[in-house]
Amino acid sequence: MNQQIHVSPSPHINGEFSVPKIMYGVVLALLPAFAASVYYFGMGAIIVTAVSVLSCVAFEYLIHRFILKIQPRITDGSAVLTGLLLAFNVPSNLPILVIVIGALVAIGIGKMSFGGLGQNPFNPALVGRVFLLISFPVQMTSWPTPGGFSTGYADAVTGATPLALVKEAVKNGESISTLANIPSHMQLFFGHMGGSMGEVSALALLLGFAFLLYRKIITWHIPVFLIGTVFAFSGILHLASPEKFADPVFHILTGGIMLGAVFMATDYVTSPMTHFGMIIFAIGIGLLTVIIRNFGAYPEGISFAILIMNALVPLLNRWTKPTTFGEEVKNGN
């Protein structure tokens, strides 16, 4: 009778997953996309990734050690994953100082200012990416063209992305069908185009998606409904005016749709907890992305769309919360 029972906060059921297993599982799923970026952009992809990952890990360690004054937890893999995703969302020729600034914003503001892992309302890598896009628009929109492993870091040849080419053509009153320098769908699928280094190869990202599903790290709800929404709404626009709006397959294979749908929008902390909430969340991201791409100032919109829907996640969790056992009886009395 003298024994005390200590009850810890929920959850009380242990599963096979831990934070390091999940984080490093996602890192493994990103390896095909990293290999594709090295194949197309050469040493630039390696340098940007290394600087981003090391900077994120270093800033998290320093904040833990000297500001929060707690035991550093950099081995859980979350800082490594943030650095990898940040690198995948920037050009492969981005100056090192700019990468370091992006890592500081991603970890210091996007993650640690809210209390660290599990408490940030916005995806840290996207916070860093959007900050860099607004603060360094020239450097963030100078896209290296695919040139193989021999491509240099500082002297890479740059060009417009397929999305930017279409956006500019429509702005100038040109017809999309007249554009001769747009890659074919097959080239887009394999990744032969300019853009952020981790988003160019749909094939590599699909391999990572299959791995995450196989390991049950994520569910299919957000990626499928996000991509399906982009396909549906961009398809409606294309049917209404094919000379002004690109076809839906083009939209899915270009820009950050695949990367965002599989690796950014599915973040545990910043996405809804229920399947119904995930579906609403994904549809909102897809719809906002199509609107921004076709009617906004930027040719790409997935980053902004995810961050906007991140802000609505607490409301979605509250709205789609399952009924507590006995709640209906209590309300009935």
Protein backbone atom coordinates (compact mmCIF):
# COMPACT_ATOMS: atom_id res chain seq x y z
CA MET A 1 0.00 0.00 0.00
CA ASN A 2 2.98 2.28 0.44
CA GLN A 3 3.94 1.99 -3.21
CA GLN A 4 3.29 5.12 -5.25
CA ILE A 5 2.04 4.90 -8.81
CA HIS A 6 3.53 7.49 -11.13
CA VAL A 7 1.38 8.33 -14.13
CA SER A 8 3.16 10.08 -16.99
CA PRO A 9 1.47 12.21 -19.65
CA SER A 10 0.01 10.46 -22.70
CA PRO A 11 0.65 8.65 -24.95
CA HIS A 12 0.99 5.54 -22.81
CA ILE A 13 1.42 2.99 -25.60
CA ASN A 14 4.91 2.43 -26.93
CA GLY A 15 5.29 1.78 -30.64
CA GLU A 16 8.13 0.57 -32.79
CA PHE A 17 9.03 4.10 -33.90
CA SER A 18 11.18 6.61 -32.08
CA VAL A 19 12.11 10.15 -33.11
CA PRO A 20 15.55 9.12 -34.44
CA LYS A 21 14.07 6.17 -36.38
CA ILE A 22 11.49 8.43 -38.03
CA MET A 23 13.94 11.23 -38.81
CA TYR A 24 16.64 9.01 -40.24
CA GLY A 25 14.00 7.02 -42.10
CA VAL A 26 12.97 10.19 -43.92
CA VAL A 27 16.64 10.99 -44.55
CA LEU A 28 17.04 7.58 -46.20
CA ALA A 29 13.96 8.25 -48.33
CA LEU A 30 15.56 11.49 -49.53
CA LEU A 31 18.74 9.77 -50.75
CA PRO A 32 17.40 9.03 -54.28
CA ALA A 33 16.54 12.70 -54.72
CA PHE A 34 19.98 13.69 -53.41
CA ALA A 35 21.64 11.29 -55.86
CA ALA A 36 19.59 12.81 -58.70
CA SER A 37 20.58 16.34 -57.68
CA VAL A 38 24.26 15.37 -57.65
CA TYR A 39 23.85 13.74 -61.06
CA TYR A 40 22.30 16.87 -62.58
CA PHE A 41 24.05 19.66 -60.65
CA GLY A 42 27.41 18.17 -59.67
CA MET A 43 29.53 19.50 -56.81
CA GLY A 44 27.13 22.35 -56.16
CA ALA A 45 24.55 19.93 -54.79
CA ILE A 46 27.11 18.35 -52.46
CA ILE A 47 28.42 21.70 -51.18
CA VAL A 48 24.97 23.19 -50.57
CA THR A 49 23.74 20.06 -48.78
CA ALA A 50 26.82 19.76 -46.58
CA VAL A 51 26.77 23.43 -45.57
CA SER A 52 23.04 23.38 -44.87
CA VAL A 53 23.10 20.20 -42.76
CA LEU A 54 26.20 21.18 -40.78
CA SER A 55 24.85 24.68 -40.16
CA CYS A 56 21.50 23.41 -38.91
CA VAL A 57 23.14 20.90 -36.57
CA ALA A 58 25.59 23.52 -35.29
CA PHE A 59 22.91 26.15 -34.63
CA GLU A 60 20.68 23.67 -32.82
CA TYR A 61 23.61 22.58 -30.64
CA LEU A 62 24.56 26.19 -29.80
CA ILE A 63 20.98 27.17 -28.98
CA HIS A 64 20.51 24.11 -26.77
CA ARG A 65 23.85 24.57 -25.04
CA PHE A 66 24.13 28.31 -24.53
CA ILE A 67 20.64 29.82 -24.82
CA LEU A 68 18.22 27.19 -23.54
CA LYS A 69 20.98 25.69 -21.37
CA ILE A 70 19.79 22.12 -21.81
CA GLN A 71 21.50 18.95 -22.93
CA PRO A 72 21.93 19.16 -26.73
CA ARG A 73 19.82 16.62 -28.63
CA ILE A 74 21.36 16.90 -32.06
CA THR A 75 21.61 13.12 -32.45
CA ASP A 76 17.85 12.70 -32.88
CA GLY A 77 18.17 13.52 -36.58
CA SER A 78 15.68 16.42 -36.67
CA ALA A 79 18.34 19.06 -37.37
CA VAL A 80 19.91 16.85 -40.04
CA LEU A 81 16.53 16.45 -41.74
CA THR A 82 15.81 20.19 -41.56
CA GLY A 83 19.18 20.95 -43.13
CA LEU A 84 18.61 18.40 -45.88
CA LEU A 85 15.14 19.73 -46.71
CA LEU A 86 16.39 23.32 -46.67
CA ALA A 87 19.12 22.37 -49.15
CA PHE A 88 16.57 20.67 -51.36
CA ASN A 89 14.56 23.91 -51.53
CA VAL A 90 17.33 26.19 -52.80
CA PRO A 91 19.46 26.42 -55.97
CA SER A 92 22.62 24.35 -56.10
CA ASN A 93 24.78 27.45 -56.58
CA LEU A 94 23.50 29.42 -53.59
CA PRO A 95 26.34 31.30 -51.82
CA ILE A 96 27.54 29.68 -48.61
CA LEU A 97 26.79 32.70 -46.43
CA VAL A 98 23.20 32.76 -47.67
CA ILE A 99 22.82 29.04 -46.86
CA VAL A 100 24.10 29.65 -43.32
CA ILE A 101 21.63 32.50 -42.85
CA GLY A 102 18.81 30.26 -44.05
CA ALA A 103 19.85 27.54 -41.60
CA LEU A 104 19.90 30.06 -38.74
CA VAL A 105 16.38 31.24 -39.58
CA ALA A 106 15.10 27.66 -40.03
CA ILE A 107 16.48 26.43 -36.70
CA GLY A 108 16.57 29.60 -34.61
CA ILE A 109 13.23 31.11 -35.68
CA GLY A 110 11.28 28.34 -37.37
CA LYS A 111 12.01 25.69 -34.74
CA MET A 112 13.72 26.70 -31.50
CA SER A 113 11.87 29.99 -30.88
CA PHE A 114 8.70 27.94 -30.38
CA GLY A 115 10.32 25.52 -27.96
CA GLY A 116 12.07 23.04 -30.23
CA LEU A 117 11.10 19.71 -31.74
CA GLY A 118 7.39 18.98 -31.58
CA GLN A 119 6.31 22.53 -30.75
CA ASN A 120 6.92 24.48 -33.97
CA PRO A 121 3.70 25.37 -35.83
CA PHE A 122 5.44 25.92 -39.18
CA ASN A 123 7.78 23.68 -41.15
CA PRO A 124 11.27 25.01 -40.21
CA ALA A 125 12.87 24.29 -43.59
CA LEU A 126 10.12 26.19 -45.40
CA VAL A 127 10.44 29.10 -42.97
CA GLY A 128 14.11 29.31 -43.91
CA ARG A 129 13.36 28.93 -47.61
CA VAL A 130 10.69 31.64 -47.73
CA PHE A 131 12.90 34.00 -45.70
CA LEU A 132 15.73 33.54 -48.20
CA LEU A 133 13.37 33.96 -51.16
CA ILE A 134 12.15 37.30 -49.82
CA SER A 135 15.54 38.52 -48.59
CA PHE A 136 17.77 37.26 -51.43
CA PRO A 137 15.46 37.06 -54.47
CA VAL A 138 18.25 37.26 -57.06
CA GLN A 139 20.36 34.48 -55.56
CA MET A 140 17.28 32.35 -54.86
CA THR A 141 16.02 32.58 -58.44
CA SER A 142 19.29 32.00 -60.30
CA TRP A 143 18.70 28.38 -61.24
CA PRO A 144 21.62 26.27 -62.55
CA THR A 145 20.82 24.27 -65.66
CA PRO A 146 21.52 20.52 -65.50
CA GLY A 147 25.08 19.88 -66.57
CA GLY A 148 26.21 16.65 -64.96
CA PHE A 149 28.74 16.01 -62.22
CA SER A 150 31.32 18.20 -63.92
CA THR A 151 29.14 21.25 -63.25
CA GLY A 152 31.05 23.78 -61.17
CA TYR A 153 29.65 25.39 -58.03
CA ALA A 154 30.48 29.03 -58.64
CA ASP A 155 30.47 29.04 -62.45
CA ALA A 156 27.28 27.06 -63.11
CA VAL A 157 25.23 28.16 -66.11
CA THR A 158 21.86 29.47 -64.96
CA GLY A 159 18.48 29.67 -66.65
CA ALA A 160 14.77 29.94 -65.98
CA THR A 161 12.69 27.07 -64.63
CA PRO A 162 9.88 25.64 -66.77
CA LEU A 163 7.34 27.29 -64.48
CA ALA A 164 9.05 30.67 -64.86
CA LEU A 165 9.18 30.28 -68.66
CA VAL A 166 5.45 29.60 -68.82
CA LYS A 167 4.68 32.42 -66.39
CA GLU A 168 6.69 34.91 -68.43
CA ALA A 169 5.19 33.76 -71.71
CA VAL A 170 1.63 34.15 -70.45
CA LYS A 171 2.49 37.55 -68.99
CA ASN A 172 3.73 38.68 -72.41
CA GLY A 173 0.61 37.40 -74.14
CA GLU A 174 2.30 34.42 -75.79
CA SER A 175 0.67 31.03 -76.27
CA ILE A 176 2.04 28.11 -74.26
CA SER A 177 1.95 25.88 -77.33
CA THR A 178 4.44 28.16 -79.10
CA LEU A 179 7.15 27.71 -76.46
CA ALA A 180 9.94 25.58 -77.89
CA ASN A 181 12.29 25.49 -74.87
CA ILE A 182 9.95 23.69 -72.47
CA PRO A 183 11.18 20.17 -71.53
CA SER A 184 8.96 17.24 -72.42
CA HIS A 185 6.98 15.44 -69.74
CA MET A 186 9.45 12.57 -69.81
CA GLN A 187 12.38 14.95 -69.26
CA LEU A 188 10.49 16.56 -66.40
CA PHE A 189 9.78 13.15 -64.88
CA PHE A 190 13.45 12.19 -64.79
CA GLY A 191 14.56 15.67 -63.70
CA HIS A 192 16.25 17.27 -66.69
CA MET A 193 15.28 20.86 -65.85
CA GLY A 194 16.35 23.79 -63.74
CA GLY A 195 14.98 24.33 -60.25
CA SER A 196 15.69 23.75 -56.59
CA MET A 197 18.17 20.90 -56.34
CA GLY A 198 15.91 18.42 -54.53
CA GLU A 199 12.72 18.90 -56.49
CA VAL A 200 13.79 18.22 -60.05
CA SER A 201 13.40 14.44 -60.29
CA ALA A 202 9.84 13.17 -59.81
CA LEU A 203 11.10 9.61 -60.23
CA ALA A 204 13.54 9.94 -57.33
CA LEU A 205 10.88 11.51 -55.11
CA LEU A 206 8.41 8.73 -55.93
CA LEU A 207 10.99 6.17 -54.87
CA GLY A 208 11.30 7.98 -51.57
CA PHE A 209 7.50 8.07 -51.25
CA ALA A 210 7.31 4.32 -51.77
CA PHE A 211 9.95 3.78 -49.08
CA LEU A 212 8.08 5.96 -46.57
CA LEU A 213 4.84 4.10 -47.22
CA TYR A 214 6.59 0.73 -46.92
CA ARG A 215 8.11 1.73 -43.58
CA LYS A 216 4.74 3.22 -42.50
CA ILE A 217 6.43 6.50 -41.61
CA ILE A 218 3.70 8.46 -43.41
CA THR A 219 0.25 7.66 -44.79
CA TRP A 220 -0.94 8.20 -48.34
CA HIS A 221 -3.63 10.76 -47.51
CA ILE A 222 -1.73 14.05 -47.79
CA PRO A 223 0.43 13.26 -50.87
CA VAL A 224 -2.41 11.68 -52.85
CA PHE A 225 -5.01 14.35 -52.11
CA LEU A 226 -2.53 17.21 -52.56
CA ILE A 227 -1.34 15.98 -55.95
CA GLY A 228 -4.89 15.04 -56.93
CA THR A 229 -6.13 18.54 -56.07
CA VAL A 230 -3.39 20.16 -58.13
CA PHE A 231 -4.23 17.84 -61.02
CA ALA A 232 -7.97 18.54 -60.80
CA PHE A 233 -7.87 22.34 -60.52
CA SER A 234 -5.00 22.89 -62.96
CA GLY A 235 -6.83 20.53 -65.33
CA ILE A 236 -9.99 22.63 -65.12
CA LEU A 237 -8.01 25.77 -65.93
CA HIS A 238 -6.25 24.03 -68.81
CA LEU A 239 -9.53 22.83 -70.29
CA ALA A 240 -10.95 26.34 -70.02
CA SER A 241 -7.96 27.98 -71.72
CA PRO A 242 -5.21 25.60 -72.92
CA GLU A 243 -3.16 28.40 -74.45
CA LYS A 244 -2.98 30.30 -71.17
CA PHE A 245 -2.82 27.55 -68.54
CA ALA A 246 -0.39 24.61 -68.62
CA ASP A 247 -1.68 21.05 -68.47
CA PRO A 248 -1.99 19.31 -65.07
CA VAL A 249 0.81 16.79 -65.67
CA PHE A 250 3.19 19.69 -66.32
CA HIS A 251 2.21 21.27 -63.01
CA ILE A 252 2.74 18.07 -61.05
CA LEU A 253 6.15 17.32 -62.56
CA THR A 254 7.56 20.85 -62.24
CA GLY A 255 8.45 22.89 -59.21
CA GLY A 256 8.09 21.58 -55.69
CA ILE A 257 4.77 19.74 -55.87
CA MET A 258 6.27 16.27 -55.45
CA LEU A 259 8.82 17.33 -52.82
CA GLY A 260 6.25 19.33 -50.90
CA ALA A 261 3.55 16.67 -51.05
CA VAL A 262 5.76 13.78 -49.92
CA PHE A 263 8.31 15.34 -47.57
CA MET A 264 7.16 18.80 -46.45
CA ALA A 265 3.38 18.65 -45.99
CA THR A 266 3.59 15.27 -44.22
CA ASP A 267 5.68 16.60 -41.34
CA TYR A 268 4.18 15.12 -38.16
CA VAL A 269 4.33 18.33 -36.11
CA THR A 270 2.87 20.73 -38.66
CA SER A 271 0.17 18.53 -40.22
CA PRO A 272 -3.21 17.39 -38.83
CA MET A 273 -3.50 14.32 -36.64
CA THR A 274 -6.67 12.82 -38.14
CA HIS A 275 -7.08 11.40 -41.63
CA PHE A 276 -10.04 13.69 -42.34
CA GLY A 277 -7.97 16.66 -41.22
CA MET A 278 -5.12 15.53 -43.46
CA ILE A 279 -7.45 15.43 -46.47
CA ILE A 280 -8.72 18.97 -45.86
CA PHE A 281 -5.15 20.12 -45.24
CA ALA A 282 -3.92 18.59 -48.51
CA ILE A 283 -6.80 19.97 -50.57
CA GLY A 284 -6.14 23.43 -49.17
CA ILE A 285 -2.45 23.24 -50.08
CA GLY A 286 -3.20 22.02 -53.59
CA LEU A 287 -5.81 24.71 -54.24
CA LEU A 288 -3.62 27.52 -52.90
CA THR A 289 -0.66 26.29 -54.96
CA VAL A 290 -2.68 26.36 -58.19
CA ILE A 291 -4.00 29.84 -57.39
CA ILE A 292 -0.56 31.26 -56.58
CA ARG A 293 1.08 29.65 -59.61
CA ASN A 294 -1.51 30.87 -62.09
CA PHE A 295 -2.65 34.18 -60.63
CA GLY A 296 0.06 35.26 -58.18
CA ALA A 297 3.35 37.08 -58.65
CA TYR A 298 5.51 33.99 -58.10
CA PRO A 299 5.68 31.11 -60.58
CA GLU A 300 5.81 28.66 -57.66
CA GLY A 301 3.45 28.53 -54.71
CA ILE A 302 3.85 25.27 -52.81
CA SER A 303 6.00 26.75 -50.01
CA PHE A 304 3.58 29.57 -49.29
CA ALA A 305 0.61 27.20 -49.51
CA ILE A 306 2.08 24.76 -46.97
CA LEU A 307 2.94 27.53 -44.50
CA ILE A 308 -0.55 29.03 -44.79
CA MET A 309 -2.16 25.66 -44.12
CA ASN A 310 0.30 25.00 -41.27
CA ALA A 311 -1.30 27.95 -39.50
CA LEU A 312 -4.72 26.28 -39.79
CA VAL A 313 -3.63 22.90 -38.40
CA PRO A 314 -4.75 23.65 -34.78
CA LEU A 315 -8.22 24.51 -36.09
CA LEU A 316 -8.32 21.39 -38.26
CA ASN A 317 -7.26 19.23 -35.31
CA ARG A 318 -9.99 20.74 -33.17
CA TRP A 319 -12.65 20.46 -35.87
CA THR A 320 -11.85 16.87 -36.86
CA LYS A 321 -11.17 15.60 -33.33
CA PRO A 322 -12.86 12.23 -32.80
CA THR A 323 -15.62 12.00 -30.24
CA THR A 324 -14.39 11.08 -26.78
CA PHE A 325 -15.79 7.87 -25.33
CA GLY A 326 -18.87 8.75 -23.29
CA GLU A 327 -19.05 12.32 -24.55
CA GLU A 328 -22.43 11.92 -26.28
CA VAL A 329 -24.02 10.43 -23.16
CA LYS A 330 -22.65 13.27 -21.05
CA ASN A 331 -23.98 15.91 -23.42
CA GLY A 332 -27.31 14.12 -23.58
CA ASN A 333 -27.72 14.39 -19.81
